[in-house]
Amino acid sequence: MTLWDDRILEIIREEDSGSATKLANHRYIRVSRSQVSRRLKKLASHGLLQELENGVYVLTDSGGEYLEGNLDAGDLSESNEERGSTMA
C-alpha cells in the first residue's frame, strides 16, 4: 500500500465513486492520471475496490474495513487474473 492508495480509497469513500481522471484532478492527489489508474486496478485486484463501468470504481466492504483499521493490507490476496504481482 502507498500513501496514494489510502488517499484514493478515502476520496472514493467520501464521494461514493471515482475514476482515474476525477481522482487525478482532486486537490489531495499529486500524481498523474496514469499512476492513479494503475493504483485503482491494483486496489481492485486486491478486493478493496470494485470496477463498475467506464473506469469508475466504488469501495467494497473490504475497502471500508481497511479504512476503518479492521483489515490489514498484508492479509489481502490478489484475484486470480492478477496473481504474481505485489501490492506495492
N, C-alpha and C. Protein backbone atom coordinates (compact mmCIF):
# COMPACT_ATOMS: atom_id res chain seq x y z
N MET A 1 0.84 -1.18 0.00
CA MET A 1 0.00 0.00 0.00
C MET A 1 0.88 1.24 0.00
N THR A 2 0.43 2.25 -0.70
CA THR A 2 1.15 3.52 -0.75
C THR A 2 0.29 4.62 -0.11
N LEU A 3 0.90 5.75 0.14
CA LEU A 3 0.16 6.90 0.64
C LEU A 3 -0.99 7.23 -0.30
N TRP A 4 -0.75 7.13 -1.59
CA TRP A 4 -1.77 7.47 -2.58
C TRP A 4 -2.92 6.48 -2.54
N ASP A 5 -2.63 5.21 -2.23
CA ASP A 5 -3.70 4.21 -2.13
C ASP A 5 -4.68 4.62 -1.04
N ASP A 6 -4.17 5.00 0.11
CA ASP A 6 -5.04 5.42 1.21
C ASP A 6 -5.86 6.64 0.81
N ARG A 7 -5.23 7.60 0.19
CA ARG A 7 -5.97 8.81 -0.22
C ARG A 7 -7.03 8.47 -1.26
N ILE A 8 -6.70 7.62 -2.22
CA ILE A 8 -7.65 7.21 -3.25
C ILE A 8 -8.86 6.55 -2.60
N LEU A 9 -8.62 5.61 -1.70
CA LEU A 9 -9.71 4.92 -1.02
C LEU A 9 -10.57 5.89 -0.21
N GLU A 10 -9.93 6.81 0.49
CA GLU A 10 -10.67 7.79 1.31
C GLU A 10 -11.55 8.68 0.44
N ILE A 11 -11.01 9.14 -0.68
CA ILE A 11 -11.78 10.02 -1.58
C ILE A 11 -12.96 9.26 -2.17
N ILE A 12 -12.73 8.03 -2.61
CA ILE A 12 -13.83 7.24 -3.18
C ILE A 12 -14.90 6.99 -2.13
N ARG A 13 -14.49 6.75 -0.89
CA ARG A 13 -15.49 6.57 0.18
C ARG A 13 -16.30 7.85 0.37
N GLU A 14 -15.64 8.99 0.40
CA GLU A 14 -16.32 10.26 0.61
C GLU A 14 -17.24 10.63 -0.55
N GLU A 15 -16.82 10.31 -1.78
CA GLU A 15 -17.58 10.73 -2.95
C GLU A 15 -18.42 9.61 -3.56
N ASP A 16 -18.42 8.44 -2.95
CA ASP A 16 -19.20 7.27 -3.37
C ASP A 16 -18.67 6.56 -4.62
N SER A 17 -17.79 7.18 -5.38
CA SER A 17 -17.17 6.54 -6.55
C SER A 17 -16.03 7.42 -7.03
N GLY A 18 -15.25 6.89 -7.96
CA GLY A 18 -14.16 7.68 -8.51
C GLY A 18 -13.59 7.06 -9.77
N SER A 19 -13.03 7.89 -10.61
CA SER A 19 -12.35 7.44 -11.83
C SER A 19 -10.94 8.02 -11.81
N ALA A 20 -10.08 7.49 -12.65
CA ALA A 20 -8.70 7.96 -12.68
C ALA A 20 -8.63 9.46 -12.98
N THR A 21 -9.41 9.92 -13.93
CA THR A 21 -9.40 11.33 -14.29
C THR A 21 -9.90 12.20 -13.15
N LYS A 22 -11.01 11.82 -12.57
CA LYS A 22 -11.58 12.59 -11.46
C LYS A 22 -10.62 12.63 -10.27
N LEU A 23 -10.02 11.51 -9.95
CA LEU A 23 -9.10 11.45 -8.82
C LEU A 23 -7.82 12.23 -9.10
N ALA A 24 -7.28 12.13 -10.30
CA ALA A 24 -6.04 12.84 -10.64
C ALA A 24 -6.24 14.35 -10.56
N ASN A 25 -7.45 14.81 -10.74
CA ASN A 25 -7.75 16.23 -10.66
C ASN A 25 -8.14 16.69 -9.27
N HIS A 26 -8.19 15.75 -8.33
CA HIS A 26 -8.58 16.07 -6.95
C HIS A 26 -7.46 16.85 -6.27
N ARG A 27 -7.80 17.77 -5.41
CA ARG A 27 -6.81 18.63 -4.77
C ARG A 27 -5.84 17.89 -3.86
N TYR A 28 -6.21 16.69 -3.37
CA TYR A 28 -5.33 15.94 -2.48
C TYR A 28 -4.50 14.88 -3.18
N ILE A 29 -4.61 14.77 -4.49
CA ILE A 29 -3.84 13.79 -5.25
C ILE A 29 -2.78 14.53 -6.05
N ARG A 30 -1.54 14.09 -5.91
CA ARG A 30 -0.42 14.78 -6.57
C ARG A 30 0.36 13.84 -7.49
N VAL A 31 -0.36 12.92 -8.13
CA VAL A 31 0.27 12.01 -9.10
C VAL A 31 -0.54 12.05 -10.39
N SER A 32 0.04 11.50 -11.44
CA SER A 32 -0.59 11.56 -12.76
C SER A 32 -1.81 10.65 -12.86
N ARG A 33 -2.63 10.91 -13.87
CA ARG A 33 -3.80 10.10 -14.12
C ARG A 33 -3.40 8.65 -14.39
N SER A 34 -2.32 8.44 -15.12
CA SER A 34 -1.90 7.06 -15.42
C SER A 34 -1.47 6.32 -14.15
N GLN A 35 -0.82 7.02 -13.23
CA GLN A 35 -0.43 6.38 -11.98
C GLN A 35 -1.67 6.08 -11.13
N VAL A 36 -2.63 7.00 -11.10
CA VAL A 36 -3.88 6.75 -10.38
C VAL A 36 -4.58 5.54 -10.98
N SER A 37 -4.61 5.47 -12.30
CA SER A 37 -5.26 4.34 -12.98
C SER A 37 -4.62 3.01 -12.59
N ARG A 38 -3.30 2.97 -12.54
CA ARG A 38 -2.60 1.74 -12.12
C ARG A 38 -2.96 1.36 -10.69
N ARG A 39 -3.02 2.35 -9.80
CA ARG A 39 -3.35 2.06 -8.40
C ARG A 39 -4.79 1.60 -8.26
N LEU A 40 -5.72 2.18 -9.03
CA LEU A 40 -7.11 1.75 -8.99
C LEU A 40 -7.21 0.27 -9.37
N LYS A 41 -6.53 -0.11 -10.43
CA LYS A 41 -6.55 -1.50 -10.88
C LYS A 41 -5.95 -2.42 -9.82
N LYS A 42 -4.87 -1.99 -9.19
CA LYS A 42 -4.22 -2.80 -8.16
C LYS A 42 -5.13 -2.94 -6.94
N LEU A 43 -5.75 -1.85 -6.52
CA LEU A 43 -6.66 -1.90 -5.37
C LEU A 43 -7.85 -2.81 -5.67
N ALA A 44 -8.34 -2.77 -6.90
CA ALA A 44 -9.45 -3.65 -7.30
C ALA A 44 -9.00 -5.11 -7.31
N SER A 45 -7.77 -5.36 -7.74
CA SER A 45 -7.28 -6.75 -7.79
C SER A 45 -7.15 -7.35 -6.40
N HIS A 46 -7.04 -6.50 -5.39
CA HIS A 46 -6.94 -6.96 -4.01
C HIS A 46 -8.28 -6.90 -3.28
N GLY A 47 -9.34 -6.55 -4.01
CA GLY A 47 -10.68 -6.58 -3.44
C GLY A 47 -11.08 -5.37 -2.63
N LEU A 48 -10.30 -4.30 -2.69
CA LEU A 48 -10.64 -3.09 -1.94
C LEU A 48 -11.58 -2.18 -2.72
N LEU A 49 -11.54 -2.29 -4.03
CA LEU A 49 -12.42 -1.54 -4.92
C LEU A 49 -13.09 -2.50 -5.88
N GLN A 50 -14.22 -2.06 -6.43
CA GLN A 50 -14.89 -2.81 -7.49
C GLN A 50 -15.04 -1.87 -8.68
N GLU A 51 -14.64 -2.34 -9.86
CA GLU A 51 -14.81 -1.53 -11.06
C GLU A 51 -16.23 -1.69 -11.58
N LEU A 52 -16.86 -0.58 -11.86
CA LEU A 52 -18.20 -0.61 -12.45
C LEU A 52 -18.04 -0.52 -13.96
N GLU A 53 -18.45 0.56 -14.56
CA GLU A 53 -18.30 0.75 -15.99
C GLU A 53 -17.42 1.94 -16.28
N ASN A 54 -16.77 1.93 -17.43
CA ASN A 54 -16.01 3.08 -17.92
C ASN A 54 -14.96 3.58 -16.94
N GLY A 55 -14.32 2.66 -16.22
CA GLY A 55 -13.25 3.06 -15.33
C GLY A 55 -13.70 3.72 -14.04
N VAL A 56 -14.94 3.54 -13.65
CA VAL A 56 -15.46 4.08 -12.40
C VAL A 56 -15.37 2.98 -11.35
N TYR A 57 -14.86 3.34 -10.17
CA TYR A 57 -14.66 2.39 -9.09
C TYR A 57 -15.46 2.80 -7.87
N VAL A 58 -15.89 1.78 -7.10
CA VAL A 58 -16.56 2.01 -5.82
C VAL A 58 -15.84 1.19 -4.76
N LEU A 59 -15.99 1.61 -3.53
CA LEU A 59 -15.37 0.93 -2.41
C LEU A 59 -16.13 -0.36 -2.09
N THR A 60 -15.41 -1.43 -1.83
CA THR A 60 -16.03 -2.68 -1.40
C THR A 60 -16.12 -2.71 0.12
N ASP A 61 -16.79 -3.74 0.64
CA ASP A 61 -16.84 -3.91 2.09
C ASP A 61 -15.43 -4.05 2.65
N SER A 62 -14.57 -4.79 1.95
CA SER A 62 -13.18 -4.96 2.40
C SER A 62 -12.44 -3.63 2.40
N GLY A 63 -12.71 -2.79 1.39
CA GLY A 63 -12.09 -1.47 1.35
C GLY A 63 -12.51 -0.63 2.54
N GLY A 64 -13.78 -0.71 2.90
CA GLY A 64 -14.27 0.01 4.07
C GLY A 64 -13.64 -0.51 5.35
N GLU A 65 -13.50 -1.84 5.45
CA GLU A 65 -12.87 -2.43 6.63
C GLU A 65 -11.41 -1.99 6.73
N TYR A 66 -10.71 -1.93 5.59
CA TYR A 66 -9.32 -1.47 5.59
C TYR A 66 -9.24 -0.04 6.12
N LEU A 67 -10.09 0.84 5.62
CA LEU A 67 -10.07 2.24 6.06
C LEU A 67 -10.42 2.39 7.53
N GLU A 68 -11.23 1.51 8.05
CA GLU A 68 -11.61 1.55 9.46
C GLU A 68 -10.54 0.94 10.35
N GLY A 69 -9.52 0.33 9.76
CA GLY A 69 -8.45 -0.28 10.54
C GLY A 69 -8.74 -1.70 10.97
N ASN A 70 -9.78 -2.30 10.38
CA ASN A 70 -10.17 -3.66 10.74
C ASN A 70 -9.60 -4.71 9.80
N LEU A 71 -8.85 -4.30 8.79
CA LEU A 71 -8.28 -5.22 7.82
C LEU A 71 -6.86 -4.78 7.52
N ASP A 72 -5.91 -5.69 7.64
CA ASP A 72 -4.51 -5.41 7.38
C ASP A 72 -4.22 -5.66 5.90
N ALA A 73 -3.55 -4.73 5.25
CA ALA A 73 -3.22 -4.89 3.83
C ALA A 73 -2.39 -6.14 3.57
N GLY A 74 -1.61 -6.56 4.54
CA GLY A 74 -0.81 -7.77 4.39
C GLY A 74 -1.65 -9.03 4.31
N ASP A 75 -2.91 -8.96 4.73
CA ASP A 75 -3.80 -10.11 4.68
C ASP A 75 -4.53 -10.24 3.35
N LEU A 76 -4.35 -9.27 2.46
CA LEU A 76 -5.06 -9.27 1.20
C LEU A 76 -4.35 -10.15 0.17
N SER A 77 -5.14 -10.83 -0.63
CA SER A 77 -4.57 -11.58 -1.75
C SER A 77 -5.19 -11.05 -3.03
N GLU A 78 -4.48 -11.27 -4.12
CA GLU A 78 -4.96 -10.77 -5.40
C GLU A 78 -5.94 -11.75 -6.03
N SER A 79 -6.78 -11.21 -6.89
CA SER A 79 -7.70 -12.06 -7.63
C SER A 79 -6.91 -12.93 -8.61
N ASN A 80 -7.52 -13.95 -9.12
CA ASN A 80 -6.83 -14.92 -9.96
C ASN A 80 -6.11 -14.30 -11.15
N GLU A 81 -6.71 -13.31 -11.81
CA GLU A 81 -6.08 -12.76 -13.00
C GLU A 81 -4.88 -11.87 -12.68
N GLU A 82 -4.74 -11.46 -11.44
CA GLU A 82 -3.65 -10.56 -11.08
C GLU A 82 -2.55 -11.24 -10.26
N ARG A 83 -2.65 -12.51 -9.97
CA ARG A 83 -1.66 -13.18 -9.14
C ARG A 83 -0.27 -13.05 -9.74
N GLY A 84 0.71 -12.95 -8.87
CA GLY A 84 2.09 -12.86 -9.33
C GLY A 84 2.70 -11.49 -9.14
N SER A 85 1.87 -10.45 -8.99
CA SER A 85 2.41 -9.12 -8.73
C SER A 85 2.16 -8.79 -7.27
N THR A 86 2.81 -7.73 -6.80
CA THR A 86 2.67 -7.35 -5.39
C THR A 86 1.84 -6.09 -5.27
N MET A 87 1.43 -5.78 -4.06
CA MET A 87 0.60 -4.62 -3.81
C MET A 87 1.35 -3.31 -4.05
N ALA A 88 2.64 -3.27 -3.85
CA ALA A 88 3.41 -2.03 -3.99
C ALA A 88 3.61 -1.65 -5.42
